[in-house]
Amino acid sequence: RRHLIANALLLVRSAPAYSLVISSGSDSDNKMRSTSDIAHLATLFHLSVRQAHQCLTSNTRAVMERAEARHARAEVVVSGR
């Protein structure tokens, strides 16, 4: 735990808040936490609750949209259209 918090603090300090994504990494619905729980836990890493909420919602959505767009471009290149 000590290393997790220390590494997370270094990451938060070095990366801008809009580039962070927070995920529970759970493999089951039963193990998932609410977004407010995770946002409050993220305050341990010196993120505000607002920044943590963005890391859970809008930043994650932006990453998924970029990945989808990249995948669509790759399909066009492979098909030769």
C-alpha atoms as a PDB file:
ATOM      1  CA  ARG A   1       0.000   0.000   0.000  1.00  0.00           C
ATOM      2  CA  ARG A   2       2.807   2.369   0.845  1.00  0.00           C
ATOM      3  CA  HIS A   3       4.329   1.943  -2.620  1.00  0.00           C
ATOM      4  CA  LEU A   4       0.947   2.307  -4.303  1.00  0.00           C
ATOM      5  CA  ILE A   5       0.284   5.654  -2.658  1.00  0.00           C
ATOM      6  CA  ALA A   6       3.829   6.904  -3.260  1.00  0.00           C
ATOM      7  CA  ASN A   7       3.718   5.911  -6.937  1.00  0.00           C
ATOM      8  CA  ALA A   8       0.258   7.404  -7.406  1.00  0.00           C
ATOM      9  CA  LEU A   9       1.413  10.686  -5.861  1.00  0.00           C
ATOM     10  CA  LEU A  10       4.355  10.831  -8.265  1.00  0.00           C
ATOM     11  CA  LEU A  11       2.050  10.146 -11.210  1.00  0.00           C
ATOM     12  CA  VAL A  12      -0.452  12.802 -10.171  1.00  0.00           C
ATOM     13  CA  ARG A  13       2.297  15.367  -9.676  1.00  0.00           C
ATOM     14  CA  SER A  14       3.898  14.663 -13.048  1.00  0.00           C
ATOM     15  CA  ALA A  15       0.807  14.259 -15.253  1.00  0.00           C
ATOM     16  CA  PRO A  16      -1.844  16.882 -15.916  1.00  0.00           C
ATOM     17  CA  ALA A  17      -5.215  16.016 -14.385  1.00  0.00           C
ATOM     18  CA  TYR A  18      -6.947  15.810 -17.769  1.00  0.00           C
ATOM     19  CA  SER A  19      -4.710  12.897 -18.802  1.00  0.00           C
ATOM     20  CA  LEU A  20      -5.431  10.673 -15.786  1.00  0.00           C
ATOM     21  CA  VAL A  21      -7.938   7.836 -15.786  1.00  0.00           C
ATOM     22  CA  ILE A  22      -9.008   6.103 -12.603  1.00  0.00           C
ATOM     23  CA  SER A  23     -10.376   2.586 -12.757  1.00  0.00           C
ATOM     24  CA  SER A  24     -11.281   0.075 -10.078  1.00  0.00           C
ATOM     25  CA  GLY A  25      -9.894  -2.773 -12.144  1.00  0.00           C
ATOM     26  CA  SER A  26     -12.577  -5.056 -10.748  1.00  0.00           C
ATOM     27  CA  ASP A  27     -13.543  -8.154 -12.656  1.00  0.00           C
ATOM     28  CA  SER A  28     -16.989  -8.408 -11.105  1.00  0.00           C
ATOM     29  CA  ASP A  29     -19.916  -6.050 -10.605  1.00  0.00           C
ATOM     30  CA  ASN A  30     -20.009  -7.061  -6.946  1.00  0.00           C
ATOM     31  CA  LYS A  31     -16.497  -5.709  -6.349  1.00  0.00           C
ATOM     32  CA  MET A  32     -17.090  -2.281  -7.911  1.00  0.00           C
ATOM     33  CA  ARG A  33     -17.243   0.870  -5.810  1.00  0.00           C
ATOM     34  CA  SER A  34     -19.380   3.908  -6.462  1.00  0.00           C
ATOM     35  CA  THR A  35     -17.881   6.869  -8.276  1.00  0.00           C
ATOM     36  CA  SER A  36     -18.175   9.019  -5.172  1.00  0.00           C
ATOM     37  CA  ASP A  37     -16.239   6.424  -3.117  1.00  0.00           C
ATOM     38  CA  ILE A  38     -13.425   6.373  -5.655  1.00  0.00           C
ATOM     39  CA  ALA A  39     -13.425  10.170  -5.954  1.00  0.00           C
ATOM     40  CA  HIS A  40     -13.001  10.504  -2.201  1.00  0.00           C
ATOM     41  CA  LEU A  41     -10.239   7.885  -2.197  1.00  0.00           C
ATOM     42  CA  ALA A  42      -8.468   9.861  -4.918  1.00  0.00           C
ATOM     43  CA  THR A  43      -8.150  12.785  -2.517  1.00  0.00           C
ATOM     44  CA  LEU A  44      -5.368  10.696  -0.921  1.00  0.00           C
ATOM     45  CA  PHE A  45      -3.425  11.396  -4.131  1.00  0.00           C
ATOM     46  CA  HIS A  46      -3.955  15.158  -3.791  1.00  0.00           C
ATOM     47  CA  LEU A  47      -6.693  15.328  -6.411  1.00  0.00           C
ATOM     48  CA  SER A  48      -9.772  17.384  -5.701  1.00  0.00           C
ATOM     49  CA  VAL A  49     -13.082  15.526  -5.728  1.00  0.00           C
ATOM     50  CA  ARG A  50     -13.942  17.389  -8.959  1.00  0.00           C
ATOM     51  CA  GLN A  51     -10.681  16.298 -10.648  1.00  0.00           C
ATOM     52  CA  ALA A  52     -11.192  12.721  -9.464  1.00  0.00           C
ATOM     53  CA  HIS A  53     -14.721  12.700 -10.854  1.00  0.00           C
ATOM     54  CA  GLN A  54     -13.365  13.892 -14.221  1.00  0.00           C
ATOM     55  CA  CYS A  55     -10.793  11.073 -14.146  1.00  0.00           C
ATOM     56  CA  LEU A  56     -13.654   8.632 -13.698  1.00  0.00           C
ATOM     57  CA  THR A  57     -16.030  10.067 -16.294  1.00  0.00           C
ATOM     58  CA  SER A  58     -14.989  12.549 -18.966  1.00  0.00           C
ATOM     59  CA  ASN A  59     -11.323  11.518 -19.193  1.00  0.00           C
ATOM     60  CA  THR A  60     -12.305   7.875 -19.518  1.00  0.00           C
ATOM     61  CA  ARG A  61     -14.900   8.707 -22.163  1.00  0.00           C
ATOM     62  CA  ALA A  62     -12.310  10.694 -24.133  1.00  0.00           C
ATOM     63  CA  VAL A  63      -9.856   7.780 -24.055  1.00  0.00           C
ATOM     64  CA  MET A  64     -12.534   5.379 -25.318  1.00  0.00           C
ATOM     65  CA  GLU A  65     -13.554   7.778 -28.114  1.00  0.00           C
ATOM     66  CA  ARG A  66      -9.926   8.192 -29.241  1.00  0.00           C
ATOM     67  CA  ALA A  67      -9.422   4.419 -29.233  1.00  0.00           C
ATOM     68  CA  GLU A  68     -12.608   3.907 -31.251  1.00  0.00           C
ATOM     69  CA  ALA A  69     -11.548   6.548 -33.796  1.00  0.00           C
ATOM     70  CA  ARG A  70      -8.091   4.988 -34.061  1.00  0.00           C
ATOM     71  CA  HIS A  71      -9.652   1.569 -34.608  1.00  0.00           C
ATOM     72  CA  ALA A  72     -11.942   2.948 -37.325  1.00  0.00           C
ATOM     73  CA  ARG A  73      -8.974   4.567 -39.118  1.00  0.00           C
ATOM     74  CA  ALA A  74      -7.045   1.294 -38.949  1.00  0.00           C
ATOM     75  CA  GLU A  75      -9.952  -0.569 -40.559  1.00  0.00           C
ATOM     76  CA  VAL A  76     -10.031   1.945 -43.435  1.00  0.00           C
ATOM     77  CA  VAL A  77      -6.287   1.574 -44.024  1.00  0.00           C
ATOM     78  CA  VAL A  78      -6.440  -2.232 -43.951  1.00  0.00           C
ATOM     79  CA  SER A  79      -9.377  -2.404 -46.344  1.00  0.00           C
ATOM     80  CA  GLY A  80      -7.676   0.071 -48.711  1.00  0.00           C
ATOM     81  CA  ARG A  81     -10.620   2.444 -49.079  1.00  0.00           C
END
